[in-house]
Amino acid sequence: MYNSRLEERDAQVLGISCDHAASHRMWSACIGGLPYPELADFHPKGEVSQAYDLWDPERGASRRAVLIVDKDGVVRYRKVYTAPHLPDMEEVLGEVELLGPTNA
């Protein structure tokens, strides 16, 4: 539902996890697939998460977060969530709309 609404606004959704790509595939298969690609931040572990200041060294994992990055690579929105909280997708859609169709 939200993926198509984001695509209508010329926004692309990507998931990222510090798990190995094989575990991504198995997890995705168990839940019936994902409507977006999932990237493996596995080796070196957490390199991308660290670049976006999302790495949690105590857990050895990335924090759950939503980032909106514009076409120039500038982070325009960042919100970190603690489990079990999930992103408010209406809020995310609103932030994408604020950027306009050529920026998200």
PDB file of N, CA and C in Angstrom:
ATOM      1  N   MET A   1       0.816  -1.193   0.000  1.00  0.00           N
ATOM      2  CA  MET A   1       0.000   0.000   0.000  1.00  0.00           C
ATOM      3  C   MET A   1       0.864   1.262   0.000  1.00  0.00           C
ATOM      4  N   TYR A   2       1.765   1.372   0.985  1.00  0.00           N
ATOM      5  CA  TYR A   2       2.588   2.578   1.073  1.00  0.00           C
ATOM      6  C   TYR A   2       3.640   2.618  -0.024  1.00  0.00           C
ATOM      7  N   ASN A   3       4.156   1.442  -0.413  1.00  0.00           N
ATOM      8  CA  ASN A   3       5.184   1.412  -1.446  1.00  0.00           C
ATOM      9  C   ASN A   3       4.687   2.049  -2.737  1.00  0.00           C
ATOM     10  N   SER A   4       3.471   1.717  -3.153  1.00  0.00           N
ATOM     11  CA  SER A   4       2.933   2.292  -4.391  1.00  0.00           C
ATOM     12  C   SER A   4       2.693   3.796  -4.233  1.00  0.00           C
ATOM     13  N   ARG A   5       2.273   4.221  -3.048  1.00  0.00           N
ATOM     14  CA  ARG A   5       2.052   5.654  -2.816  1.00  0.00           C
ATOM     15  C   ARG A   5       3.376   6.426  -2.845  1.00  0.00           C
ATOM     16  N   LEU A   6       4.437   5.804  -2.357  1.00  0.00           N
ATOM     17  CA  LEU A   6       5.747   6.447  -2.421  1.00  0.00           C
ATOM     18  C   LEU A   6       6.256   6.494  -3.859  1.00  0.00           C
ATOM     19  N   GLU A   7       6.048   5.407  -4.603  1.00  0.00           N
ATOM     20  CA  GLU A   7       6.476   5.378  -6.004  1.00  0.00           C
ATOM     21  C   GLU A   7       5.752   6.445  -6.823  1.00  0.00           C
ATOM     22  N   GLU A   8       4.493   6.704  -6.504  1.00  0.00           N
ATOM     23  CA  GLU A   8       3.746   7.761  -7.188  1.00  0.00           C
ATOM     24  C   GLU A   8       4.414   9.125  -6.995  1.00  0.00           C
ATOM     25  N   ARG A   9       5.165   9.258  -5.920  1.00  0.00           N
ATOM     26  CA  ARG A   9       5.857  10.512  -5.608  1.00  0.00           C
ATOM     27  C   ARG A   9       7.322  10.462  -6.041  1.00  0.00           C
ATOM     28  N   ASP A  10       7.648   9.470  -6.876  1.00  0.00           N
ATOM     29  CA  ASP A  10       8.998   9.294  -7.411  1.00  0.00           C
ATOM     30  C   ASP A  10      10.008   9.012  -6.303  1.00  0.00           C
ATOM     31  N   ALA A  11       9.575   8.321  -5.253  1.00  0.00           N
ATOM     32  CA  ALA A  11      10.458   7.935  -4.153  1.00  0.00           C
ATOM     33  C   ALA A  11      10.710   6.434  -4.236  1.00  0.00           C
ATOM     34  N   GLN A  12      11.915   6.013  -3.903  1.00  0.00           N
ATOM     35  CA  GLN A  12      12.267   4.600  -3.928  1.00  0.00           C
ATOM     36  C   GLN A  12      12.494   4.127  -2.500  1.00  0.00           C
ATOM     37  N   VAL A  13      11.935   2.970  -2.172  1.00  0.00           N
ATOM     38  CA  VAL A  13      12.075   2.380  -0.848  1.00  0.00           C
ATOM     39  C   VAL A  13      13.161   1.312  -0.902  1.00  0.00           C
ATOM     40  N   LEU A  14      14.071   1.352   0.071  1.00  0.00           N
ATOM     41  CA  LEU A  14      15.095   0.331   0.226  1.00  0.00           C
ATOM     42  C   LEU A  14      15.145  -0.067   1.687  1.00  0.00           C
ATOM     43  N   GLY A  15      15.252  -1.345   1.941  1.00  0.00           N
ATOM     44  CA  GLY A  15      15.489  -1.821   3.297  1.00  0.00           C
ATOM     45  C   GLY A  15      16.975  -2.093   3.453  1.00  0.00           C
ATOM     46  N   ILE A  16      17.463  -2.014   4.670  1.00  0.00           N
ATOM     47  CA  ILE A  16      18.866  -2.345   4.912  1.00  0.00           C
ATOM     48  C   ILE A  16      18.967  -3.037   6.256  1.00  0.00           C
ATOM     49  N   SER A  17      19.800  -4.065   6.293  1.00  0.00           N
ATOM     50  CA  SER A  17      19.995  -4.826   7.515  1.00  0.00           C
ATOM     51  C   SER A  17      21.449  -5.268   7.576  1.00  0.00           C
ATOM     52  N   CYS A  18      21.951  -5.446   8.781  1.00  0.00           N
ATOM     53  CA  CYS A  18      23.329  -5.901   8.959  1.00  0.00           C
ATOM     54  C   CYS A  18      23.447  -7.417   8.861  1.00  0.00           C
ATOM     55  N   ASP A  19      22.351  -8.086   8.560  1.00  0.00           N
ATOM     56  CA  ASP A  19      22.384  -9.536   8.379  1.00  0.00           C
ATOM     57  C   ASP A  19      22.896  -9.885   6.985  1.00  0.00           C
ATOM     58  N   HIS A  20      23.344 -11.117   6.838  1.00  0.00           N
ATOM     59  CA  HIS A  20      23.842 -11.627   5.561  1.00  0.00           C
ATOM     60  C   HIS A  20      22.702 -11.710   4.551  1.00  0.00           C
ATOM     61  N   ALA A  21      23.012 -11.526   3.274  1.00  0.00           N
ATOM     62  CA  ALA A  21      21.999 -11.550   2.211  1.00  0.00           C
ATOM     63  C   ALA A  21      21.200 -12.852   2.208  1.00  0.00           C
ATOM     64  N   ALA A  22      21.842 -13.977   2.534  1.00  0.00           N
ATOM     65  CA  ALA A  22      21.125 -15.261   2.563  1.00  0.00           C
ATOM     66  C   ALA A  22      20.043 -15.248   3.637  1.00  0.00           C
ATOM     67  N   SER A  23      20.328 -14.638   4.783  1.00  0.00           N
ATOM     68  CA  SER A  23      19.303 -14.576   5.834  1.00  0.00           C
ATOM     69  C   SER A  23      18.175 -13.640   5.422  1.00  0.00           C
ATOM     70  N   HIS A  24      18.480 -12.588   4.660  1.00  0.00           N
ATOM     71  CA  HIS A  24      17.431 -11.706   4.117  1.00  0.00           C
ATOM     72  C   HIS A  24      16.485 -12.507   3.235  1.00  0.00           C
ATOM     73  N   ARG A  25      17.067 -13.314   2.338  1.00  0.00           N
ATOM     74  CA  ARG A  25      16.239 -14.102   1.417  1.00  0.00           C
ATOM     75  C   ARG A  25      15.348 -15.079   2.177  1.00  0.00           C
ATOM     76  N   MET A  26      15.907 -15.754   3.179  1.00  0.00           N
ATOM     77  CA  MET A  26      15.117 -16.720   3.955  1.00  0.00           C
ATOM     78  C   MET A  26      14.001 -16.009   4.716  1.00  0.00           C
ATOM     79  N   TRP A  27      14.301 -14.899   5.361  1.00  0.00           N
ATOM     80  CA  TRP A  27      13.299 -14.148   6.113  1.00  0.00           C
ATOM     81  C   TRP A  27      12.207 -13.650   5.183  1.00  0.00           C
ATOM     82  N   SER A  28      12.599 -13.090   4.047  1.00  0.00           N
ATOM     83  CA  SER A  28      11.626 -12.586   3.082  1.00  0.00           C
ATOM     84  C   SER A  28      10.705 -13.704   2.604  1.00  0.00           C
ATOM     85  N   ALA A  29      11.271 -14.871   2.332  1.00  0.00           N
ATOM     86  CA  ALA A  29      10.459 -16.010   1.890  1.00  0.00           C
ATOM     87  C   ALA A  29       9.472 -16.428   2.977  1.00  0.00           C
ATOM     88  N   CYS A  30       9.894 -16.368   4.234  1.00  0.00           N
ATOM     89  CA  CYS A  30       9.019 -16.766   5.349  1.00  0.00           C
ATOM     90  C   CYS A  30       7.832 -15.824   5.517  1.00  0.00           C
ATOM     91  N   ILE A  31       8.008 -14.561   5.168  1.00  0.00           N
ATOM     92  CA  ILE A  31       6.912 -13.599   5.354  1.00  0.00           C
ATOM     93  C   ILE A  31       6.165 -13.311   4.055  1.00  0.00           C
ATOM     94  N   GLY A  32       6.481 -14.057   3.017  1.00  0.00           N
ATOM     95  CA  GLY A  32       5.759 -13.886   1.755  1.00  0.00           C
ATOM     96  C   GLY A  32       6.336 -12.829   0.838  1.00  0.00           C
ATOM     97  N   GLY A  33       7.574 -12.425   1.084  1.00  0.00           N
ATOM     98  CA  GLY A  33       8.246 -11.461   0.220  1.00  0.00           C
ATOM     99  C   GLY A  33       8.112 -10.032   0.708  1.00  0.00           C
ATOM    100  N   LEU A  34       8.961  -9.194   0.181  1.00  0.00           N
ATOM    101  CA  LEU A  34       8.962  -7.768   0.511  1.00  0.00           C
ATOM    102  C   LEU A  34       8.633  -6.964  -0.739  1.00  0.00           C
ATOM    103  N   PRO A  35       7.940  -5.843  -0.587  1.00  0.00           N
ATOM    104  CA  PRO A  35       7.611  -5.023  -1.752  1.00  0.00           C
ATOM    105  C   PRO A  35       8.742  -4.060  -2.150  1.00  0.00           C
ATOM    106  N   TYR A  36       9.926  -4.251  -1.577  1.00  0.00           N
ATOM    107  CA  TYR A  36      11.070  -3.387  -1.858  1.00  0.00           C
ATOM    108  C   TYR A  36      12.353  -4.207  -1.716  1.00  0.00           C
ATOM    109  N   PRO A  37      13.443  -3.757  -2.338  1.00  0.00           N
ATOM    110  CA  PRO A  37      14.714  -4.471  -2.182  1.00  0.00           C
ATOM    111  C   PRO A  37      15.285  -4.275  -0.783  1.00  0.00           C
ATOM    112  N   GLU A  38      15.983  -5.286  -0.298  1.00  0.00           N
ATOM    113  CA  GLU A  38      16.652  -5.194   1.001  1.00  0.00           C
ATOM    114  C   GLU A  38      18.151  -5.361   0.776  1.00  0.00           C
ATOM    115  N   LEU A  39      18.905  -4.419   1.297  1.00  0.00           N
ATOM    116  CA  LEU A  39      20.350  -4.408   1.124  1.00  0.00           C
ATOM    117  C   LEU A  39      21.028  -4.996   2.349  1.00  0.00           C
ATOM    118  N   ALA A  40      22.134  -5.704   2.133  1.00  0.00           N
ATOM    119  CA  ALA A  40      22.886  -6.309   3.225  1.00  0.00           C
ATOM    120  C   ALA A  40      24.061  -5.408   3.598  1.00  0.00           C
ATOM    121  N   ASP A  41      24.052  -4.907   4.809  1.00  0.00           N
ATOM    122  CA  ASP A  41      25.143  -4.096   5.358  1.00  0.00           C
ATOM    123  C   ASP A  41      26.012  -5.023   6.206  1.00  0.00           C
ATOM    124  N   PHE A  42      26.434  -6.126   5.578  1.00  0.00           N
ATOM    125  CA  PHE A  42      27.048  -7.229   6.313  1.00  0.00           C
ATOM    126  C   PHE A  42      28.568  -7.168   6.356  1.00  0.00           C
ATOM    127  N   HIS A  43      29.201  -6.830   5.247  1.00  0.00           N
ATOM    128  CA  HIS A  43      30.663  -6.868   5.223  1.00  0.00           C
ATOM    129  C   HIS A  43      31.217  -5.661   4.495  1.00  0.00           C
ATOM    130  N   PRO A  44      31.972  -4.809   5.144  1.00  0.00           N
ATOM    131  CA  PRO A  44      32.197  -4.863   6.585  1.00  0.00           C
ATOM    132  C   PRO A  44      30.921  -4.528   7.351  1.00  0.00           C
ATOM    133  N   LYS A  45      30.673  -5.307   8.382  1.00  0.00           N
ATOM    134  CA  LYS A  45      29.404  -5.237   9.112  1.00  0.00           C
ATOM    135  C   LYS A  45      29.123  -3.831   9.634  1.00  0.00           C
ATOM    136  N   GLY A  46      27.957  -3.320   9.223  1.00  0.00           N
ATOM    137  CA  GLY A  46      27.490  -2.040   9.727  1.00  0.00           C
ATOM    138  C   GLY A  46      28.134  -0.815   9.108  1.00  0.00           C
ATOM    139  N   GLU A  47      28.881  -0.974   8.031  1.00  0.00           N
ATOM    140  CA  GLU A  47      29.574   0.173   7.437  1.00  0.00           C
ATOM    141  C   GLU A  47      28.597   1.274   7.011  1.00  0.00           C
ATOM    142  N   VAL A  48      27.510   0.899   6.354  1.00  0.00           N
ATOM    143  CA  VAL A  48      26.523   1.893   5.918  1.00  0.00           C
ATOM    144  C   VAL A  48      25.794   2.466   7.131  1.00  0.00           C
ATOM    145  N   SER A  49      25.436   1.604   8.074  1.00  0.00           N
ATOM    146  CA  SER A  49      24.762   2.058   9.295  1.00  0.00           C
ATOM    147  C   SER A  49      25.621   3.067  10.049  1.00  0.00           C
ATOM    148  N   GLN A  50      26.911   2.805  10.109  1.00  0.00           N
ATOM    149  CA  GLN A  50      27.814   3.743  10.778  1.00  0.00           C
ATOM    150  C   GLN A  50      27.868   5.074  10.035  1.00  0.00           C
ATOM    151  N   ALA A  51      27.874   5.024   8.716  1.00  0.00           N
ATOM    152  CA  ALA A  51      27.936   6.256   7.922  1.00  0.00           C
ATOM    153  C   ALA A  51      26.725   7.150   8.177  1.00  0.00           C
ATOM    154  N   TYR A  52      25.584   6.534   8.481  1.00  0.00           N
ATOM    155  CA  TYR A  52      24.362   7.299   8.760  1.00  0.00           C
ATOM    156  C   TYR A  52      24.103   7.442  10.259  1.00  0.00           C
ATOM    157  N   ASP A  53      25.108   7.140  11.085  1.00  0.00           N
ATOM    158  CA  ASP A  53      25.022   7.250  12.542  1.00  0.00           C
ATOM    159  C   ASP A  53      23.856   6.439  13.103  1.00  0.00           C
ATOM    160  N   LEU A  54      23.702   5.222  12.595  1.00  0.00           N
ATOM    161  CA  LEU A  54      22.639   4.335  13.060  1.00  0.00           C
ATOM    162  C   LEU A  54      23.182   3.074  13.730  1.00  0.00           C
ATOM    163  N   TRP A  55      24.485   2.921  13.787  1.00  0.00           N
ATOM    164  CA  TRP A  55      25.093   1.723  14.341  1.00  0.00           C
ATOM    165  C   TRP A  55      25.020   1.757  15.863  1.00  0.00           C
ATOM    166  N   ASP A  56      24.576   0.657  16.457  1.00  0.00           N
ATOM    167  CA  ASP A  56      24.515   0.511  17.909  1.00  0.00           C
ATOM    168  C   ASP A  56      25.605  -0.478  18.308  1.00  0.00           C
ATOM    169  N   PRO A  57      26.753   0.004  18.782  1.00  0.00           N
ATOM    170  CA  PRO A  57      27.863  -0.897  19.081  1.00  0.00           C
ATOM    171  C   PRO A  57      27.567  -1.880  20.215  1.00  0.00           C
ATOM    172  N   GLU A  58      26.699  -1.512  21.148  1.00  0.00           N
ATOM    173  CA  GLU A  58      26.363  -2.421  22.245  1.00  0.00           C
ATOM    174  C   GLU A  58      25.639  -3.665  21.748  1.00  0.00           C
ATOM    175  N   ARG A  59      24.768  -3.488  20.761  1.00  0.00           N
ATOM    176  CA  ARG A  59      24.013  -4.612  20.202  1.00  0.00           C
ATOM    177  C   ARG A  59      24.701  -5.236  18.995  1.00  0.00           C
ATOM    178  N   GLY A  60      25.665  -4.523  18.423  1.00  0.00           N
ATOM    179  CA  GLY A  60      26.309  -5.006  17.207  1.00  0.00           C
ATOM    180  C   GLY A  60      25.337  -5.042  16.045  1.00  0.00           C
ATOM    181  N   ALA A  61      24.443  -4.057  16.011  1.00  0.00           N
ATOM    182  CA  ALA A  61      23.394  -4.022  14.987  1.00  0.00           C
ATOM    183  C   ALA A  61      23.016  -2.575  14.705  1.00  0.00           C
ATOM    184  N   SER A  62      22.298  -2.409  13.630  1.00  0.00           N
ATOM    185  CA  SER A  62      21.804  -1.089  13.255  1.00  0.00           C
ATOM    186  C   SER A  62      20.533  -0.767  14.029  1.00  0.00           C
ATOM    187  N   ARG A  63      20.333   0.505  14.301  1.00  0.00           N
ATOM    188  CA  ARG A  63      19.073   0.937  14.897  1.00  0.00           C
ATOM    189  C   ARG A  63      17.986   0.929  13.830  1.00  0.00           C
ATOM    190  N   ARG A  64      16.754   0.695  14.236  1.00  0.00           N
ATOM    191  CA  ARG A  64      15.610   0.761  13.317  1.00  0.00           C
ATOM    192  C   ARG A  64      15.340   2.232  13.033  1.00  0.00           C
ATOM    193  N   ALA A  65      15.329   2.592  11.755  1.00  0.00           N
ATOM    194  CA  ALA A  65      15.178   4.003  11.404  1.00  0.00           C
ATOM    195  C   ALA A  65      14.584   4.162  10.017  1.00  0.00           C
ATOM    196  N   VAL A  66      14.087   5.354   9.769  1.00  0.00           N
ATOM    197  CA  VAL A  66      13.671   5.776   8.434  1.00  0.00           C
ATOM    198  C   VAL A  66      14.518   6.988   8.077  1.00  0.00           C
ATOM    199  N   LEU A  67      15.138   6.924   6.915  1.00  0.00           N
ATOM    200  CA  LEU A  67      15.874   8.054   6.371  1.00  0.00           C
ATOM    201  C   LEU A  67      15.245   8.410   5.040  1.00  0.00           C
ATOM    202  N   ILE A  68      15.106   9.686   4.785  1.00  0.00           N
ATOM    203  CA  ILE A  68      14.719  10.141   3.452  1.00  0.00           C
ATOM    204  C   ILE A  68      15.930  10.885   2.917  1.00  0.00           C
ATOM    205  N   VAL A  69      16.473  10.340   1.836  1.00  0.00           N
ATOM    206  CA  VAL A  69      17.673  10.886   1.219  1.00  0.00           C
ATOM    207  C   VAL A  69      17.276  11.445  -0.142  1.00  0.00           C
ATOM    208  N   ASP A  70      17.648  12.697  -0.405  1.00  0.00           N
ATOM    209  CA  ASP A  70      17.265  13.281  -1.696  1.00  0.00           C
ATOM    210  C   ASP A  70      18.187  12.781  -2.809  1.00  0.00           C
ATOM    211  N   LYS A  71      17.899  13.188  -4.022  1.00  0.00           N
ATOM    212  CA  LYS A  71      18.655  12.702  -5.180  1.00  0.00           C
ATOM    213  C   LYS A  71      20.110  13.148  -5.174  1.00  0.00           C
ATOM    214  N   ASP A  72      20.442  14.146  -4.353  1.00  0.00           N
ATOM    215  CA  ASP A  72      21.825  14.595  -4.225  1.00  0.00           C
ATOM    216  C   ASP A  72      22.552  13.880  -3.090  1.00  0.00           C
ATOM    217  N   GLY A  73      21.871  12.938  -2.431  1.00  0.00           N
ATOM    218  CA  GLY A  73      22.482  12.184  -1.346  1.00  0.00           C
ATOM    219  C   GLY A  73      22.413  12.864   0.004  1.00  0.00           C
ATOM    220  N   VAL A  74      21.626  13.924   0.130  1.00  0.00           N
ATOM    221  CA  VAL A  74      21.499  14.659   1.389  1.00  0.00           C
ATOM    222  C   VAL A  74      20.342  14.074   2.196  1.00  0.00           C
ATOM    223  N   VAL A  75      20.612  13.741   3.465  1.00  0.00           N
ATOM    224  CA  VAL A  75      19.555  13.228   4.339  1.00  0.00           C
ATOM    225  C   VAL A  75      18.630  14.386   4.685  1.00  0.00           C
ATOM    226  N   ARG A  76      17.364  14.264   4.314  1.00  0.00           N
ATOM    227  CA  ARG A  76      16.375  15.317   4.547  1.00  0.00           C
ATOM    228  C   ARG A  76      15.447  15.002   5.716  1.00  0.00           C
ATOM    229  N   TYR A  77      15.417  13.732   6.119  1.00  0.00           N
ATOM    230  CA  TYR A  77      14.542  13.319   7.222  1.00  0.00           C
ATOM    231  C   TYR A  77      15.199  12.115   7.868  1.00  0.00           C
ATOM    232  N   ARG A  78      15.171  12.081   9.198  1.00  0.00           N
ATOM    233  CA  ARG A  78      15.763  10.966   9.939  1.00  0.00           C
ATOM    234  C   ARG A  78      14.961  10.771  11.204  1.00  0.00           C
ATOM    235  N   LYS A  79      14.529   9.547  11.413  1.00  0.00           N
ATOM    236  CA  LYS A  79      13.826   9.232  12.653  1.00  0.00           C
ATOM    237  C   LYS A  79      14.177   7.810  13.059  1.00  0.00           C
ATOM    238  N   VAL A  80      14.612   7.657  14.305  1.00  0.00           N
ATOM    239  CA  VAL A  80      14.995   6.354  14.848  1.00  0.00           C
ATOM    240  C   VAL A  80      13.853   5.838  15.707  1.00  0.00           C
ATOM    241  N   TYR A  81      13.577   4.550  15.593  1.00  0.00           N
ATOM    242  CA  TYR A  81      12.495   3.900  16.333  1.00  0.00           C
ATOM    243  C   TYR A  81      13.075   2.817  17.225  1.00  0.00           C
ATOM    244  N   THR A  82      12.503   2.666  18.401  1.00  0.00           N
ATOM    245  CA  THR A  82      12.895   1.563  19.272  1.00  0.00           C
ATOM    246  C   THR A  82      11.834   0.478  19.178  1.00  0.00           C
ATOM    247  N   ALA A  83      12.284  -0.772  19.239  1.00  0.00           N
ATOM    248  CA  ALA A  83      11.341  -1.894  19.174  1.00  0.00           C
ATOM    249  C   ALA A  83      10.400  -1.791  20.367  1.00  0.00           C
ATOM    250  N   PRO A  84       9.155  -2.076  20.215  1.00  0.00           N
ATOM    251  CA  PRO A  84       8.458  -2.652  19.067  1.00  0.00           C
ATOM    252  C   PRO A  84       7.835  -1.600  18.148  1.00  0.00           C
ATOM    253  N   HIS A  85       8.207  -0.340  18.292  1.00  0.00           N
ATOM    254  CA  HIS A  85       7.589   0.732  17.512  1.00  0.00           C
ATOM    255  C   HIS A  85       7.969   0.631  16.041  1.00  0.00           C
ATOM    256  N   LEU A  86       6.998   0.894  15.197  1.00  0.00           N
ATOM    257  CA  LEU A  86       7.186   0.883  13.750  1.00  0.00           C
ATOM    258  C   LEU A  86       7.045   2.299  13.210  1.00  0.00           C
ATOM    259  N   PRO A  87       7.617   2.557  12.043  1.00  0.00           N
ATOM    260  CA  PRO A  87       7.491   3.894  11.457  1.00  0.00           C
ATOM    261  C   PRO A  87       6.037   4.266  11.185  1.00  0.00           C
ATOM    262  N   ASP A  88       5.733   5.530  11.382  1.00  0.00           N
ATOM    263  CA  ASP A  88       4.425   6.079  11.026  1.00  0.00           C
ATOM    264  C   ASP A  88       4.499   6.441   9.548  1.00  0.00           C
ATOM    265  N   MET A  89       3.968   5.578   8.697  1.00  0.00           N
ATOM    266  CA  MET A  89       4.121   5.759   7.257  1.00  0.00           C
ATOM    267  C   MET A  89       3.376   6.980   6.734  1.00  0.00           C
ATOM    268  N   GLU A  90       2.311   7.396   7.387  1.00  0.00           N
ATOM    269  CA  GLU A  90       1.640   8.635   6.971  1.00  0.00           C
ATOM    270  C   GLU A  90       2.578   9.827   7.190  1.00  0.00           C
ATOM    271  N   GLU A  91       3.318   9.803   8.290  1.00  0.00           N
ATOM    272  CA  GLU A  91       4.305  10.854   8.559  1.00  0.00           C
ATOM    273  C   GLU A  91       5.409  10.827   7.499  1.00  0.00           C
ATOM    274  N   VAL A  92       5.891   9.629   7.170  1.00  0.00           N
ATOM    275  CA  VAL A  92       6.934   9.489   6.152  1.00  0.00           C
ATOM    276  C   VAL A  92       6.433  10.011   4.808  1.00  0.00           C
ATOM    277  N   LEU A  93       5.212   9.632   4.426  1.00  0.00           N
ATOM    278  CA  LEU A  93       4.634  10.128   3.171  1.00  0.00           C
ATOM    279  C   LEU A  93       4.548  11.650   3.165  1.00  0.00           C
ATOM    280  N   GLY A  94       4.156  12.224   4.285  1.00  0.00           N
ATOM    281  CA  GLY A  94       4.081  13.678   4.393  1.00  0.00           C
ATOM    282  C   GLY A  94       5.439  14.333   4.186  1.00  0.00           C
ATOM    283  N   GLU A  95       6.480  13.727   4.747  1.00  0.00           N
ATOM    284  CA  GLU A  95       7.834  14.269   4.578  1.00  0.00           C
ATOM    285  C   GLU A  95       8.281  14.169   3.124  1.00  0.00           C
ATOM    286  N   VAL A  96       7.960  13.059   2.468  1.00  0.00           N
ATOM    287  CA  VAL A  96       8.303  12.900   1.050  1.00  0.00           C
ATOM    288  C   VAL A  96       7.576  13.956   0.222  1.00  0.00           C
ATOM    289  N   GLU A  97       6.309  14.183   0.534  1.00  0.00           N
ATOM    290  CA  GLU A  97       5.536  15.190  -0.202  1.00  0.00           C
ATOM    291  C   GLU A  97       6.121  16.587  -0.032  1.00  0.00           C
ATOM    292  N   LEU A  98       6.647  16.891   1.162  1.00  0.00           N
ATOM    293  CA  LEU A  98       7.264  18.200   1.392  1.00  0.00           C
ATOM    294  C   LEU A  98       8.475  18.426   0.490  1.00  0.00           C
ATOM    295  N   LEU A  99       9.192  17.343   0.184  1.00  0.00           N
ATOM    296  CA  LEU A  99      10.368  17.462  -0.679  1.00  0.00           C
ATOM    297  C   LEU A  99       9.996  17.680  -2.135  1.00  0.00           C
ATOM    298  N   GLY A 100       8.824  17.209  -2.522  1.00  0.00           N
ATOM    299  CA  GLY A 100       8.410  17.336  -3.921  1.00  0.00           C
ATOM    300  C   GLY A 100       8.886  16.153  -4.746  1.00  0.00           C
ATOM    301  N   PRO A 101       8.307  15.965  -5.919  1.00  0.00           N
ATOM    302  CA  PRO A 101       8.567  14.771  -6.718  1.00  0.00           C
ATOM    303  C   PRO A 101       9.973  14.671  -7.296  1.00  0.00           C
ATOM    304  N   THR A 102      10.703  15.743  -7.377  1.00  0.00           N
ATOM    305  CA  THR A 102      12.031  15.659  -7.982  1.00  0.00           C
ATOM    306  C   THR A 102      13.152  15.570  -6.963  1.00  0.00           C
ATOM    307  N   ASN A 103      12.833  15.584  -5.667  1.00  0.00           N
ATOM    308  CA  ASN A 103      13.882  15.606  -4.650  1.00  0.00           C
ATOM    309  C   ASN A 103      14.013  14.341  -3.831  1.00  0.00           C
ATOM    310  N   ALA A 104      12.949  13.554  -3.688  1.00  0.00           N
ATOM    311  CA  ALA A 104      13.008  12.388  -2.799  1.00  0.00           C
ATOM    312  C   ALA A 104      13.593  11.200  -3.513  1.00  0.00           C
TER     313      ALA A 104
END
